């Protein structure tokens, strides 16, 4: 029993793709009419390359207009495609669980105080937990983070923990209001 592989996505050969990409990048900023004129000129100058690719695609079973597929690929895809490699992301380094718990505890203790602000509270946290932060600072430095990165990471983590706490607090307040309202309407 033979199984036939059906092709659902017809791709151009790498050689043809590189030619099409270079054409599309060369005419990336052309207006529609100029691009079309240059496309016609390019297909005439590269007729053997285009014919070979058309024959290959038809042989694979593509039943659409191959020239139209080429034009649209160049005009709408390759023209906008970036040729730069994406930056390599560095490994994520998390804050120690003890520091996060200390942040949460500090926020919980100070959240209800008058004039509570995350920035002032962060400075207070740094002063009160300086020994714990020094240990965490040294640990993060060994993970190949710069001093600025470590300071930023700790500050962002504190502010994020504050945001999460305030969101949870608001949700709890809404829940309490809803339960009070439901108790009133039931009476």
Protein backbone atom coordinates (compact mmCIF):
# COMPACT_ATOMS: atom_id res chain seq x y z
CA UNK A 1 0.00 0.00 0.00
CA UNK A 2 1.46 3.37 -1.01
CA UNK A 3 0.73 6.58 0.77
CA UNK A 4 0.98 9.83 -1.09
CA UNK A 5 2.29 12.87 0.78
CA UNK A 6 0.04 15.80 0.08
CA UNK A 7 1.75 19.19 0.05
CA UNK A 8 -0.26 21.95 1.67
CA UNK A 9 2.42 24.63 1.70
CA UNK A 10 4.44 25.10 -1.44
CA UNK A 11 7.78 26.74 -0.74
CA UNK A 12 10.35 28.14 -3.14
CA UNK A 13 13.84 26.66 -3.35
CA UNK A 14 16.44 28.33 -1.13
CA UNK A 15 18.30 29.57 -4.24
CA UNK A 16 15.20 31.21 -5.69
CA UNK A 17 14.21 32.57 -2.28
CA UNK A 18 17.56 34.32 -1.89
CA UNK A 19 17.17 35.94 -5.32
CA UNK A 20 13.61 37.01 -4.55
CA UNK A 21 14.63 38.34 -1.13
CA UNK A 22 17.43 40.45 -2.59
CA UNK A 23 15.05 41.87 -5.22
CA UNK A 24 12.42 42.65 -2.59
CA UNK A 25 14.94 44.34 -0.29
CA UNK A 26 16.36 46.37 -3.18
CA UNK A 27 12.88 47.70 -3.99
CA UNK A 28 11.59 47.75 -0.43
CA UNK A 29 10.65 51.43 -0.46
CA UNK A 30 9.36 51.69 -4.03
CA UNK A 31 5.77 52.71 -4.57
CA UNK A 32 3.35 50.14 -6.00
CA UNK A 33 3.70 51.17 -9.66
CA UNK A 34 7.50 51.37 -9.60
CA UNK A 35 7.70 48.03 -7.81
CA UNK A 36 5.49 46.41 -10.44
CA UNK A 37 7.63 47.84 -13.30
CA UNK A 38 10.83 46.60 -11.63
CA UNK A 39 9.19 43.21 -11.02
CA UNK A 40 8.43 42.80 -14.72
CA UNK A 41 11.99 43.82 -15.61
CA UNK A 42 13.42 41.41 -13.00
CA UNK A 43 11.34 38.45 -14.23
CA UNK A 44 12.48 39.13 -17.81
CA UNK A 45 16.14 39.36 -16.78
CA UNK A 46 15.89 36.19 -14.69
CA UNK A 47 13.57 34.24 -16.97
CA UNK A 48 15.46 30.94 -16.70
CA UNK A 49 15.44 31.12 -12.88
CA UNK A 50 11.72 32.00 -12.85
CA UNK A 51 10.84 29.31 -15.43
CA UNK A 52 12.73 26.64 -13.51
CA UNK A 53 10.91 27.56 -10.30
CA UNK A 54 7.52 27.64 -12.08
CA UNK A 55 8.17 24.17 -13.57
CA UNK A 56 9.25 22.79 -10.19
CA UNK A 57 6.15 24.17 -8.44
CA UNK A 58 3.81 22.82 -11.14
CA UNK A 59 5.59 19.44 -10.90
CA UNK A 60 4.92 19.38 -7.15
CA UNK A 61 1.23 19.88 -7.82
CA UNK A 62 0.78 23.60 -7.28
CA UNK A 63 -2.26 24.57 -9.31
CA UNK A 64 -2.27 28.34 -8.71
CA UNK A 65 -0.53 31.12 -10.60
CA UNK A 66 3.15 30.70 -9.69
CA UNK A 67 4.17 34.15 -10.95
CA UNK A 68 1.44 35.71 -8.81
CA UNK A 69 2.69 33.73 -5.79
CA UNK A 70 6.22 34.97 -6.46
CA UNK A 71 5.09 38.58 -6.80
CA UNK A 72 3.00 38.52 -3.63
CA UNK A 73 5.77 36.80 -1.66
CA UNK A 74 8.26 39.47 -2.68
CA UNK A 75 5.91 42.41 -2.33
CA UNK A 76 4.15 41.53 0.92
CA UNK A 77 6.48 39.20 2.79
CA UNK A 78 10.14 39.40 1.78
CA UNK A 79 10.05 43.17 1.41
CA UNK A 80 9.18 43.54 5.11
CA UNK A 81 11.25 40.64 6.40
CA UNK A 82 14.20 41.60 8.58
CA UNK A 83 17.55 40.07 7.75
CA UNK A 84 18.99 40.54 11.23
CA UNK A 85 19.27 37.64 13.61
CA UNK A 86 17.23 38.12 16.80
CA UNK A 87 19.22 38.94 19.92
CA UNK A 88 20.12 36.00 22.09
CA UNK A 89 18.24 36.28 25.37
CA UNK A 90 20.22 35.82 28.50
CA UNK A 91 19.27 33.20 31.04
CA UNK A 92 16.60 34.37 33.49
CA UNK A 93 17.84 34.69 37.06
CA UNK A 94 15.14 34.82 39.71
CA UNK A 95 15.17 36.57 43.05
CA UNK A 96 15.58 34.29 46.05
CA UNK A 97 12.35 33.10 47.67
CA UNK A 98 13.36 34.52 51.07
CA UNK A 99 13.74 38.00 49.59
CA UNK A 100 10.34 37.78 47.89
CA UNK A 101 8.73 36.64 51.14
CA UNK A 102 10.39 39.54 52.97
CA UNK A 103 9.04 41.94 50.33
CA UNK A 104 5.54 40.52 50.67
CA UNK A 105 5.67 40.75 54.47
CA UNK A 106 6.95 44.34 54.34
CA UNK A 107 4.22 45.39 51.90
CA UNK A 108 1.55 43.68 54.01
CA UNK A 109 2.75 45.48 57.15
CA UNK A 110 2.91 48.92 55.52
CA UNK A 111 0.12 48.86 52.94
CA UNK A 112 -2.56 50.36 55.14
CA UNK A 113 -0.43 53.16 56.59
CA UNK A 114 -1.25 56.74 55.60
CA UNK A 115 0.82 58.22 52.78
CA UNK A 116 1.98 54.76 51.69
CA UNK A 117 3.85 54.98 48.40
CA UNK A 118 5.75 52.14 46.72
CA UNK A 119 8.86 54.29 46.17
CA UNK A 120 9.14 55.38 49.79
CA UNK A 121 8.25 51.91 50.98
CA UNK A 122 10.98 50.43 48.77
CA UNK A 123 13.60 52.70 50.35
CA UNK A 124 12.34 51.73 53.79
CA UNK A 125 12.50 48.04 52.80
CA UNK A 126 16.11 48.43 51.61
CA UNK A 127 17.05 50.05 54.92
CA UNK A 128 15.29 47.46 57.11
CA UNK A 129 16.44 44.39 55.17
CA UNK A 130 19.92 45.58 54.17
CA UNK A 131 21.68 42.38 55.29
CA UNK A 132 19.28 40.14 53.33
CA UNK A 133 19.60 42.40 50.28
CA UNK A 134 23.40 42.41 50.50
CA UNK A 135 23.43 38.60 50.41
CA UNK A 136 21.04 38.58 47.45
CA UNK A 137 23.05 41.31 45.72
CA UNK A 138 26.24 39.23 46.01
CA UNK A 139 24.45 36.12 44.78
CA UNK A 140 23.11 37.93 41.72
CA UNK A 141 26.53 39.40 40.93
CA UNK A 142 27.89 35.83 40.74
CA UNK A 143 25.17 35.13 38.12
CA UNK A 144 26.96 37.59 35.77
CA UNK A 145 24.56 40.49 36.27
CA UNK A 146 25.90 44.04 36.44
CA UNK A 147 25.39 46.25 39.47
CA UNK A 148 22.79 48.31 37.62
CA UNK A 149 20.96 45.15 36.52
CA UNK A 150 20.85 43.84 40.10
CA UNK A 151 19.58 47.15 41.51
CA UNK A 152 16.96 47.39 38.78
CA UNK A 153 15.90 43.76 39.24
CA UNK A 154 15.39 44.10 42.99
CA UNK A 155 13.49 47.38 42.60
CA UNK A 156 11.28 46.01 39.82
CA UNK A 157 10.56 42.90 41.85
CA UNK A 158 9.51 44.98 44.85
CA UNK A 159 7.23 47.18 42.74
CA UNK A 160 5.77 44.14 41.03
CA UNK A 161 5.05 42.50 44.39
CA UNK A 162 3.37 45.76 45.49
CA UNK A 163 1.26 45.80 42.31
CA UNK A 164 0.19 42.19 42.80
CA UNK A 165 -0.68 42.86 46.44
CA UNK A 166 -2.71 45.97 45.56
CA UNK A 167 -4.59 44.09 42.81
CA UNK A 168 -5.40 41.26 45.19
CA UNK A 169 -6.48 43.75 47.83
CA UNK A 170 -8.81 45.52 45.36
CA UNK A 171 -10.29 42.21 44.25
CA UNK A 172 -10.92 41.24 47.87
CA UNK A 173 -12.59 44.62 48.50
CA UNK A 174 -14.87 44.13 45.50
CA UNK A 175 -15.72 40.61 46.65
CA UNK A 176 -16.58 41.91 50.12
CA UNK A 177 -18.79 44.65 48.63
CA UNK A 178 -20.58 42.12 46.42
CA UNK A 179 -21.24 39.79 49.36
CA UNK A 180 -22.57 42.70 51.44
CA UNK A 181 -24.84 43.76 48.57
CA UNK A 182 -26.09 40.19 48.11
CA UNK A 183 -26.81 39.96 51.84
CA UNK A 184 -28.82 43.21 51.68
CA UNK A 185 -30.83 42.16 48.61
CA UNK A 186 -31.68 38.77 50.15
CA UNK A 187 -33.35 40.41 53.17
